[in-house]
Amino acid sequence: MEWWGAVKNNMEVKKNTLMWVIIGVLFLSVLFLTFKLGSSGAGISDIGTTGKIDTTGWTTNEIMNYEMHGTIPARAGKISATTGASGGMVGGC
C-alpha cells in the first residue's frame, strides 16, 4: 500500500497549491479594486488642495450626517437641476 500514501501526499500538495492560488487571486483583485477606487475621482472632493470634502450645495442636515456618521449624500457627485434639497436620500441610520 505504498502507492496509496503517495496518492494522498500528491492530493495534499494539490490542495495546498490550489489554496495559495485562490489566496493570490483574491489578494490581486483586492489590490486592483483598491487602486481603481482610489483613482476614480468621484468628483465630490477637492482633497488634493484643501484636505476637505466640498460640501457646497449640501443641506445642513446632510452636513450634520456627514460630520456625525460619515455618510455622503447620493447626489453629492452629480450636478442635476431636478434633484431638490432632499433628492436621493432615502431612509436613515
C-alpha atoms as a PDB file:
ATOM      1  CA  MET A   1       0.000   0.000   0.000  1.00  0.00           C
ATOM      2  CA  GLU A   2       2.888   2.375  -0.581  1.00  0.00           C
ATOM      3  CA  TRP A   3       1.160   3.813  -3.620  1.00  0.00           C
ATOM      4  CA  TRP A   4      -1.815   4.958  -1.500  1.00  0.00           C
ATOM      5  CA  GLY A   5       0.488   7.075   0.662  1.00  0.00           C
ATOM      6  CA  ALA A   6       1.954   8.644  -2.466  1.00  0.00           C
ATOM      7  CA  VAL A   7      -1.518   9.427  -3.837  1.00  0.00           C
ATOM      8  CA  LYS A   8      -2.612  11.025  -0.547  1.00  0.00           C
ATOM      9  CA  ASN A   9       0.601  13.071  -0.466  1.00  0.00           C
ATOM     10  CA  ASN A  10       0.080  14.228  -4.068  1.00  0.00           C
ATOM     11  CA  MET A  11      -3.519  15.249  -3.308  1.00  0.00           C
ATOM     12  CA  GLU A  12      -2.325  17.231  -0.281  1.00  0.00           C
ATOM     13  CA  VAL A  13       0.175  19.104  -2.444  1.00  0.00           C
ATOM     14  CA  LYS A  14      -2.550  19.929  -4.983  1.00  0.00           C
ATOM     15  CA  LYS A  15      -4.877  21.186  -2.244  1.00  0.00           C
ATOM     16  CA  ASN A  16      -2.168  23.425  -0.818  1.00  0.00           C
ATOM     17  CA  THR A  17      -1.305  24.767  -4.257  1.00  0.00           C
ATOM     18  CA  LEU A  18      -4.966  25.459  -5.028  1.00  0.00           C
ATOM     19  CA  MET A  19      -5.391  27.244  -1.696  1.00  0.00           C
ATOM     20  CA  TRP A  20      -2.406  29.531  -2.356  1.00  0.00           C
ATOM     21  CA  VAL A  21      -3.588  30.243  -5.899  1.00  0.00           C
ATOM     22  CA  ILE A  22      -7.009  31.284  -4.578  1.00  0.00           C
ATOM     23  CA  ILE A  23      -5.425  33.482  -1.896  1.00  0.00           C
ATOM     24  CA  GLY A  24      -3.216  35.100  -4.539  1.00  0.00           C
ATOM     25  CA  VAL A  25      -6.139  35.790  -6.866  1.00  0.00           C
ATOM     26  CA  LEU A  26      -8.154  37.326  -4.025  1.00  0.00           C
ATOM     27  CA  PHE A  27      -5.204  39.477  -2.975  1.00  0.00           C
ATOM     28  CA  LEU A  28      -4.630  40.733  -6.503  1.00  0.00           C
ATOM     29  CA  SER A  29      -8.312  41.505  -7.020  1.00  0.00           C
ATOM     30  CA  VAL A  30      -8.461  43.475  -3.758  1.00  0.00           C
ATOM     31  CA  LEU A  31      -5.304  45.334  -4.745  1.00  0.00           C
ATOM     32  CA  PHE A  32      -6.726  46.129  -8.190  1.00  0.00           C
ATOM     33  CA  LEU A  33     -10.048  47.347  -6.808  1.00  0.00           C
ATOM     34  CA  THR A  34      -8.294  49.469  -4.194  1.00  0.00           C
ATOM     35  CA  PHE A  35      -6.269  51.309  -6.810  1.00  0.00           C
ATOM     36  CA  LYS A  36      -9.248  51.540  -9.147  1.00  0.00           C
ATOM     37  CA  LEU A  37     -11.375  53.208  -6.462  1.00  0.00           C
ATOM     38  CA  GLY A  38      -8.518  55.453  -5.434  1.00  0.00           C
ATOM     39  CA  SER A  39      -8.022  56.759  -8.941  1.00  0.00           C
ATOM     40  CA  SER A  40     -11.677  57.013  -9.957  1.00  0.00           C
ATOM     41  CA  GLY A  41     -12.076  60.637  -8.839  1.00  0.00           C
ATOM     42  CA  ALA A  42     -15.702  60.610  -7.775  1.00  0.00           C
ATOM     43  CA  GLY A  43     -15.954  64.390  -8.227  1.00  0.00           C
ATOM     44  CA  ILE A  44     -17.179  65.072  -4.704  1.00  0.00           C
ATOM     45  CA  SER A  45     -13.988  66.224  -3.124  1.00  0.00           C
ATOM     46  CA  ASP A  46     -11.137  68.609  -3.509  1.00  0.00           C
ATOM     47  CA  ILE A  47      -8.880  66.719  -1.136  1.00  0.00           C
ATOM     48  CA  GLY A  48      -5.761  67.411  -3.154  1.00  0.00           C
ATOM     49  CA  THR A  49      -5.677  71.122  -2.312  1.00  0.00           C
ATOM     50  CA  THR A  50      -7.813  71.660   0.789  1.00  0.00           C
ATOM     51  CA  GLY A  51      -7.923  68.303   2.518  1.00  0.00           C
ATOM     52  CA  LYS A  52     -11.710  68.516   2.938  1.00  0.00           C
ATOM     53  CA  ILE A  53     -14.729  67.331   1.000  1.00  0.00           C
ATOM     54  CA  ASP A  54     -16.545  70.084  -0.866  1.00  0.00           C
ATOM     55  CA  THR A  55     -19.941  70.412   0.838  1.00  0.00           C
ATOM     56  CA  THR A  56     -21.265  73.380  -1.121  1.00  0.00           C
ATOM     57  CA  GLY A  57     -24.869  72.780  -2.081  1.00  0.00           C
ATOM     58  CA  TRP A  58     -25.474  70.344   0.792  1.00  0.00           C
ATOM     59  CA  THR A  59     -28.271  70.958   3.269  1.00  0.00           C
ATOM     60  CA  THR A  60     -27.413  71.463   6.945  1.00  0.00           C
ATOM     61  CA  ASN A  61     -28.895  68.033   7.655  1.00  0.00           C
ATOM     62  CA  GLU A  62     -26.614  66.398   5.061  1.00  0.00           C
ATOM     63  CA  ILE A  63     -23.587  68.183   6.507  1.00  0.00           C
ATOM     64  CA  MET A  64     -24.534  67.020  10.009  1.00  0.00           C
ATOM     65  CA  ASN A  65     -24.955  63.431   8.781  1.00  0.00           C
ATOM     66  CA  TYR A  66     -21.536  63.605   7.134  1.00  0.00           C
ATOM     67  CA  GLU A  67     -19.857  65.049  10.218  1.00  0.00           C
ATOM     68  CA  MET A  68     -21.503  62.652  12.679  1.00  0.00           C
ATOM     69  CA  HIS A  69     -21.807  59.445  10.674  1.00  0.00           C
ATOM     70  CA  GLY A  70     -19.503  59.848   7.675  1.00  0.00           C
ATOM     71  CA  THR A  71     -22.320  59.343   5.163  1.00  0.00           C
ATOM     72  CA  ILE A  72     -22.077  61.195   1.869  1.00  0.00           C
ATOM     73  CA  PRO A  73     -25.333  62.069   0.072  1.00  0.00           C
ATOM     74  CA  ALA A  74     -26.047  60.042  -3.055  1.00  0.00           C
ATOM     75  CA  ARG A  75     -26.384  63.199  -5.128  1.00  0.00           C
ATOM     76  CA  ALA A  76     -23.031  64.620  -3.970  1.00  0.00           C
ATOM     77  CA  GLY A  77     -21.089  63.890  -7.145  1.00  0.00           C
ATOM     78  CA  LYS A  78     -23.929  64.664  -9.535  1.00  0.00           C
ATOM     79  CA  ILE A  79     -24.970  68.061 -10.836  1.00  0.00           C
ATOM     80  CA  SER A  80     -28.657  67.975 -11.614  1.00  0.00           C
ATOM     81  CA  ALA A  81     -31.368  70.618 -11.643  1.00  0.00           C
ATOM     82  CA  THR A  82     -34.097  68.056 -10.989  1.00  0.00           C
ATOM     83  CA  THR A  83     -32.944  66.962  -7.535  1.00  0.00           C
ATOM     84  CA  GLY A  84     -34.064  69.197  -4.728  1.00  0.00           C
ATOM     85  CA  ALA A  85     -32.710  69.567  -1.220  1.00  0.00           C
ATOM     86  CA  SER A  86     -33.918  66.090  -0.265  1.00  0.00           C
ATOM     87  CA  GLY A  87     -33.322  64.362  -3.612  1.00  0.00           C
ATOM     88  CA  GLY A  88     -31.620  60.989  -3.486  1.00  0.00           C
ATOM     89  CA  MET A  89     -31.673  60.467   0.281  1.00  0.00           C
ATOM     90  CA  VAL A  90     -33.957  57.658   1.400  1.00  0.00           C
ATOM     91  CA  GLY A  91     -34.061  56.002   4.794  1.00  0.00           C
ATOM     92  CA  GLY A  92     -31.629  56.617   7.570  1.00  0.00           C
ATOM     93  CA  CYS A  93     -29.391  55.277  10.266  1.00  0.00           C
END
